[in-house]
Protein backbone atom coordinates (compact mmCIF):
# COMPACT_ATOMS: atom_id res chain seq x y z
CA MET A 1 -72.28 -6.63 8.79
CA ILE A 2 -71.94 -10.08 10.34
CA ALA A 3 -70.10 -8.53 13.29
CA LYS A 4 -72.94 -6.05 13.84
CA TYR A 5 -75.50 -8.84 13.73
CA ILE A 6 -73.53 -10.86 16.29
CA GLN A 7 -73.01 -7.86 18.57
CA THR A 8 -76.75 -7.19 18.73
CA ARG A 9 -77.11 -10.62 20.32
CA ILE A 10 -73.83 -11.41 22.08
CA PRO A 11 -71.53 -8.96 23.92
CA SER A 12 -68.32 -9.15 21.88
CA ASN A 13 -65.53 -7.23 20.21
CA PHE A 14 -64.56 -7.36 16.56
CA TYR A 15 -61.05 -6.64 15.28
CA VAL A 16 -60.07 -6.04 11.66
CA PHE A 17 -56.50 -6.69 10.59
CA ILE A 18 -55.15 -5.03 7.42
CA ALA A 19 -52.18 -7.12 6.33
CA GLY A 20 -51.17 -5.46 3.06
CA ALA A 21 -47.56 -4.80 4.11
CA TYR A 22 -46.93 -8.54 4.09
CA GLY A 23 -46.85 -8.11 0.31
CA ALA A 24 -43.26 -6.90 0.67
CA LEU A 25 -42.30 -10.51 1.38
CA ASN A 26 -43.13 -11.35 -2.25
CA ALA A 27 -40.33 -9.06 -3.46
CA GLN A 28 -37.47 -10.42 -5.56
CA SER A 29 -34.86 -7.93 -4.31
CA PRO A 30 -34.16 -5.67 -1.29
CA GLU A 31 -34.93 -2.59 -3.39
CA GLU A 32 -38.30 -3.95 -4.49
CA ALA A 33 -39.11 -4.93 -0.89
CA LYS A 34 -38.46 -1.38 0.34
CA LYS A 35 -40.58 0.11 -2.44
CA LEU A 36 -43.46 -2.29 -1.81
CA ALA A 37 -43.38 -1.73 1.94
CA LYS A 38 -43.49 2.06 1.55
CA ASN A 39 -46.44 1.85 -0.86
CA LYS A 40 -48.33 -0.72 1.22
CA LYS A 41 -47.89 1.29 4.42
CA SER A 42 -49.68 4.32 2.96
CA LEU A 43 -52.43 2.11 1.50
CA GLU A 44 -52.91 0.42 4.87
CA GLU A 45 -53.43 3.77 6.58
CA ALA A 46 -56.06 4.73 3.99
CA LYS A 47 -57.88 1.42 4.48
CA LYS A 48 -57.68 1.84 8.25
CA GLN A 49 -59.44 5.20 7.99
CA LEU A 50 -62.14 3.73 5.74
CA LEU A 51 -62.81 0.82 8.08
CA THR A 52 -62.69 3.04 11.16
CA ASN A 53 -65.51 5.01 9.53
CA VAL A 54 -67.47 1.76 9.13
CA PHE A 55 -66.94 0.96 12.81
CA LYS A 56 -68.22 4.38 13.85
CA ASN A 57 -71.20 4.41 11.49
CA LEU A 58 -72.28 0.88 12.44
CA GLY A 59 -71.59 1.40 16.15
CA LEU A 60 -69.27 -1.62 16.26
CA ASN A 61 -67.26 -2.50 19.34
CA GLY A 62 -63.65 -3.17 18.39
CA LYS A 63 -60.72 -1.68 16.55
CA VAL A 64 -58.85 -1.70 13.22
CA TYR A 65 -55.18 -2.75 13.17
CA THR A 66 -52.54 -2.56 10.45
CA THR A 67 -49.47 -4.69 9.90
CA TYR A 68 -47.20 -2.07 11.43
CA ASP A 69 -49.29 -2.02 14.62
CA LEU A 70 -48.09 -5.59 15.13
CA TRP A 71 -44.61 -5.25 13.65
CA LYS A 72 -43.63 -2.50 16.08
CA ASP A 73 -44.57 -4.76 19.01
CA LYS A 74 -41.60 -6.84 20.15
CA GLU A 75 -43.97 -9.46 21.54
CA TYR A 76 -45.24 -10.22 18.03
CA TRP A 77 -41.72 -11.17 16.89
CA GLU A 78 -41.20 -13.29 20.00
CA ILE A 79 -44.35 -15.20 19.07
CA LEU A 80 -43.11 -15.57 15.49
CA GLN A 81 -39.75 -16.85 16.75
CA GLU A 82 -41.60 -19.58 18.63
CA VAL A 83 -43.71 -20.42 15.58
CA ILE A 84 -40.81 -20.80 13.14
CA GLY A 85 -39.13 -23.15 15.58
CA LYS A 86 -42.01 -25.58 15.03
CA ILE A 87 -42.26 -25.39 11.24
CA ASP A 88 -40.04 -26.88 8.53
CA PRO A 89 -39.08 -24.04 6.14
CA GLU A 90 -38.40 -26.43 3.26
CA GLU A 91 -41.83 -28.03 3.57
CA ILE A 92 -43.51 -24.61 3.58
CA SER A 93 -41.47 -23.53 0.54
CA ARG A 94 -42.75 -26.56 -1.38
CA LYS A 95 -46.35 -25.74 -0.47
CA VAL A 96 -46.07 -22.04 -1.27
CA ARG A 97 -44.39 -22.58 -4.68
CA LYS A 98 -43.57 -18.90 -5.05
CA LYS A 99 -40.11 -17.62 -5.79
CA GLY A 100 -39.00 -14.99 -3.32
CA MET A 101 -35.62 -13.96 -1.94
CA PRO A 102 -33.52 -15.39 0.93
CA MET A 103 -34.55 -13.76 4.20
CA ARG A 104 -30.88 -13.26 5.03
CA GLU A 105 -30.89 -10.67 2.21
CA PHE A 106 -34.22 -9.09 3.17
CA PRO A 107 -33.99 -5.50 4.51
CA LEU A 108 -35.06 -6.11 8.11
CA GLU A 109 -35.52 -2.41 8.80
CA ILE A 110 -38.84 -2.82 6.98
CA LEU A 111 -39.99 -5.21 9.69
CA SER A 112 -39.72 -2.66 12.49
CA SER A 113 -38.84 -4.47 15.76
CA ALA A 114 -37.86 -7.77 14.11
CA ARG A 115 -34.12 -7.12 14.41
CA GLU A 116 -34.43 -6.95 18.20
CA VAL A 117 -35.61 -10.56 18.32
CA LEU A 118 -34.84 -12.55 15.17
CA ASN A 119 -31.31 -13.47 14.17
CA GLY A 120 -29.99 -16.76 12.78
CA GLU A 121 -33.47 -18.28 12.43
CA LEU A 122 -34.10 -16.28 9.27
CA SER A 123 -31.24 -17.80 7.29
CA TYR A 124 -33.29 -20.95 6.61
CA TRP A 125 -36.25 -19.11 5.10
CA SER A 126 -37.19 -17.61 1.77
CA SER A 127 -39.28 -14.46 1.97
CA THR A 128 -42.40 -16.03 0.42
CA ALA A 129 -42.28 -19.04 2.77
CA PHE A 130 -41.69 -16.70 5.74
CA TYR A 131 -45.08 -15.19 4.89
CA VAL A 132 -46.74 -18.29 6.45
CA PRO A 133 -45.30 -18.17 10.01
CA ALA A 134 -45.72 -14.38 9.94
CA GLU A 135 -49.47 -14.82 9.32
CA ILE A 136 -49.76 -17.55 11.94
CA ALA A 137 -48.01 -15.38 14.53
CA GLU A 138 -50.47 -12.59 13.73
CA ALA A 139 -53.43 -14.76 14.76
CA ILE A 140 -51.68 -15.89 17.95
CA TRP A 141 -50.86 -12.26 18.80
CA PHE A 142 -54.55 -11.33 18.60
CA LYS A 143 -55.44 -14.32 20.78
CA GLN A 144 -52.88 -13.50 23.46
CA LYS A 145 -53.15 -9.71 23.46
CA LEU A 146 -56.89 -9.21 22.85
CA ASP A 147 -58.38 -12.58 23.82
CA VAL A 148 -59.64 -13.18 20.27
CA SER A 149 -61.23 -16.62 20.03
CA MET A 150 -62.29 -16.81 16.37
CA LYS A 151 -60.57 -15.95 13.10
CA ILE A 152 -62.79 -14.98 10.18
CA GLY A 153 -61.37 -15.13 6.67
CA PRO A 154 -61.69 -16.64 3.18
CA SER A 155 -62.08 -20.42 3.34
CA ASP A 156 -60.08 -21.22 0.20
CA SER A 157 -57.14 -18.79 0.03
CA GLU A 158 -56.06 -19.10 3.68
CA THR A 159 -56.22 -22.86 4.26
CA LEU A 160 -52.43 -23.13 4.65
CA TYR A 161 -52.46 -20.65 7.56
CA ASP A 162 -55.64 -22.05 9.10
CA GLU A 163 -54.12 -25.53 9.27
CA PHE A 164 -51.56 -24.24 11.79
CA ILE A 165 -53.70 -21.58 13.53
CA SER A 166 -56.31 -24.16 14.56
CA LYS A 167 -53.59 -25.97 16.56
CA TYR A 168 -53.40 -22.94 18.87
CA ASN A 169 -57.00 -23.42 20.05
CA MET A 170 -58.39 -20.68 17.83
CA GLY A 171 -61.65 -21.26 16.02
CA ILE A 172 -61.81 -20.70 12.26
CA ILE A 173 -64.80 -19.25 10.42
CA GLY A 174 -64.27 -19.79 6.70
CA MET A 175 -66.23 -17.49 4.41
CA THR A 176 -67.06 -18.41 0.83
CA GLN A 177 -64.92 -16.69 -1.77
CA PRO A 178 -66.73 -13.95 -3.74
CA THR A 179 -66.70 -14.19 -7.52
CA SER A 180 -66.15 -11.67 -10.28
CA PHE A 181 -66.99 -11.54 -13.98
CA GLU A 182 -63.81 -11.05 -15.98
CA SER A 183 -64.11 -9.81 -19.55
CA GLY A 184 -62.33 -11.56 -22.41
CA LYS A 185 -58.76 -10.32 -22.99
CA LEU A 186 -55.43 -11.15 -24.58
CA ASN A 187 -52.80 -12.78 -22.40
CA GLU A 188 -49.02 -12.23 -22.57
CA LYS A 189 -48.80 -14.65 -25.52
CA LEU A 190 -51.48 -12.62 -27.35
CA GLU A 191 -53.89 -15.53 -27.00
CA PHE A 192 -57.54 -14.69 -26.39
CA VAL A 193 -58.80 -15.65 -22.94
CA PRO A 194 -62.61 -15.92 -23.02
CA PRO A 195 -64.87 -14.21 -20.43
CA SER A 196 -65.25 -16.11 -17.21
CA ILE A 197 -66.48 -16.01 -13.63
CA ARG A 198 -63.66 -16.56 -11.15
CA SER A 199 -63.19 -16.69 -7.41
CA VAL A 200 -61.46 -13.58 -6.05
CA VAL A 201 -59.93 -12.43 -2.77
CA PRO A 202 -62.55 -10.17 -1.12
CA TYR A 203 -60.14 -7.46 -0.02
CA ILE A 204 -57.93 -7.35 -3.13
CA GLY A 205 -59.42 -5.84 -6.27
CA ARG A 206 -58.09 -5.66 -9.83
CA GLU A 207 -58.84 -2.97 -12.38
CA TYR A 208 -60.23 -5.43 -14.93
CA GLN A 209 -62.70 -6.99 -12.47
CA ASN A 210 -66.30 -5.76 -12.53
CA ARG A 211 -66.84 -5.41 -8.79
CA VAL A 212 -68.73 -3.00 -6.55
CA SER A 213 -66.24 -0.74 -4.74
CA PHE A 214 -66.33 1.90 -2.00
CA SER A 215 -65.75 4.65 -4.58
CA ASP A 216 -68.94 3.82 -6.53
CA ASN A 217 -72.03 6.04 -6.68
CA PRO A 218 -75.60 4.87 -7.51
CA ALA A 219 -75.01 5.41 -11.25
CA ASP A 220 -71.87 3.23 -11.18
CA ILE A 221 -73.77 0.52 -9.32
CA ALA A 222 -76.62 0.65 -11.84
CA ILE A 223 -74.14 0.01 -14.67
CA ILE A 224 -72.70 -2.99 -12.82
CA ARG A 225 -76.26 -4.28 -12.30
CA LYS A 226 -76.90 -4.23 -16.05
CA ARG A 227 -73.88 -6.49 -16.49
CA ASN A 228 -75.41 -8.90 -13.95
CA THR A 229 -72.08 -9.37 -12.20
CA PRO A 230 -71.60 -11.75 -9.22
CA SER A 231 -70.22 -8.82 -7.21
CA PHE A 232 -73.48 -6.88 -7.62
CA ASN A 233 -75.60 -9.86 -6.60
CA ARG A 234 -73.46 -10.48 -3.51
CA ALA A 235 -73.55 -6.78 -2.52
CA LEU A 236 -77.33 -6.73 -2.95
CA LYS A 237 -77.78 -9.68 -0.59
CA LEU A 238 -75.65 -7.89 1.99
CA ALA A 239 -77.62 -4.67 1.49
CA LYS A 240 -80.93 -6.46 2.04
CA PHE A 241 -79.51 -8.04 5.18
CA TYR A 242 -78.43 -4.60 6.41
CA GLN A 243 -81.94 -3.21 5.82
CA LYS A 244 -83.37 -6.12 7.82
CA ILE A 245 -81.04 -5.41 10.76
CA LYS A 246 -81.91 -1.71 10.68
CA SER A 247 -85.62 -2.40 10.06
CA GLU A 248 -85.49 0.11 7.21
CA GLU A 249 -87.80 0.52 4.26
CA GLN A 250 -86.74 -1.23 1.07
CA LYS A 251 -85.09 0.96 -1.60
CA ASN A 252 -84.29 0.25 -5.22
CA ASP A 253 -81.26 -1.98 -5.66
CA PRO A 254 -78.50 0.57 -6.52
CA PHE A 255 -79.47 2.85 -3.63
CA SER A 256 -79.66 -0.11 -1.24
CA ILE A 257 -76.05 -0.98 -2.07
CA PHE A 258 -75.07 2.69 -1.93
CA ASP A 259 -76.26 2.77 1.69
CA LEU A 260 -73.56 0.20 2.44
CA ILE A 261 -70.91 2.26 0.66
CA LYS A 262 -71.85 5.33 2.72
CA LEU A 263 -70.97 3.42 5.87
CA ALA A 264 -67.32 3.86 4.90
CA ARG A 265 -67.60 7.62 4.61
CA ILE A 266 -67.41 10.26 7.34
CA LYS A 267 -70.88 11.50 8.16
CA LYS A 268 -71.27 15.27 7.84
């Protein structure tokens, strides 16, 4: 929606990057990495179709890319090779604090063209720490290949990447994290965790989170409204903004939000 607003005033292109396949770097074993990559690849293609529909229905100038669009490009790995030469893997590992697996054991066939470029450099990295230079290289790839000047993303969950990306003369637009109401539940120790409102990643949903989704219909949205969830309130603000851009007549709240959801569907 922000991209559409900008494009009505400034000639520009907008590119969406779906980076779900990076999740394979969180694997604890080669077998798990292969399984995650296979699953994430199919999910990425589904998301690409959904967002391509949004582009068409909004009349946006730009394109949707997936992880494998970059991974199959040898130039991406050449950029990454340059990036990892400037970063201390031990320092990144301390900041990430996630246990992964040594990259020397990682099944490189998952990473498409990586084997054509990367060799001994990987032996110093764990898979979870390697996630950081991989994300940084992604931003640089977009800058060099498509002349992208600004990166838009969550302000809180991507600060580690943004710290490095800004050094490559790319602007950063940090968006506030959305929130979700989480019902009370028992944790692994069978202790009761009370209901709470927590910050969430906008593009990663969990089953237990009460959030508006692209699969909802007006009745689903009405139920979420009754629960007065942060996700509903955020979606409603966006819906009102969309109506203002389109100069459309105001509708009741669930149908206003449903108009946004329909943007992700193929028009018949």
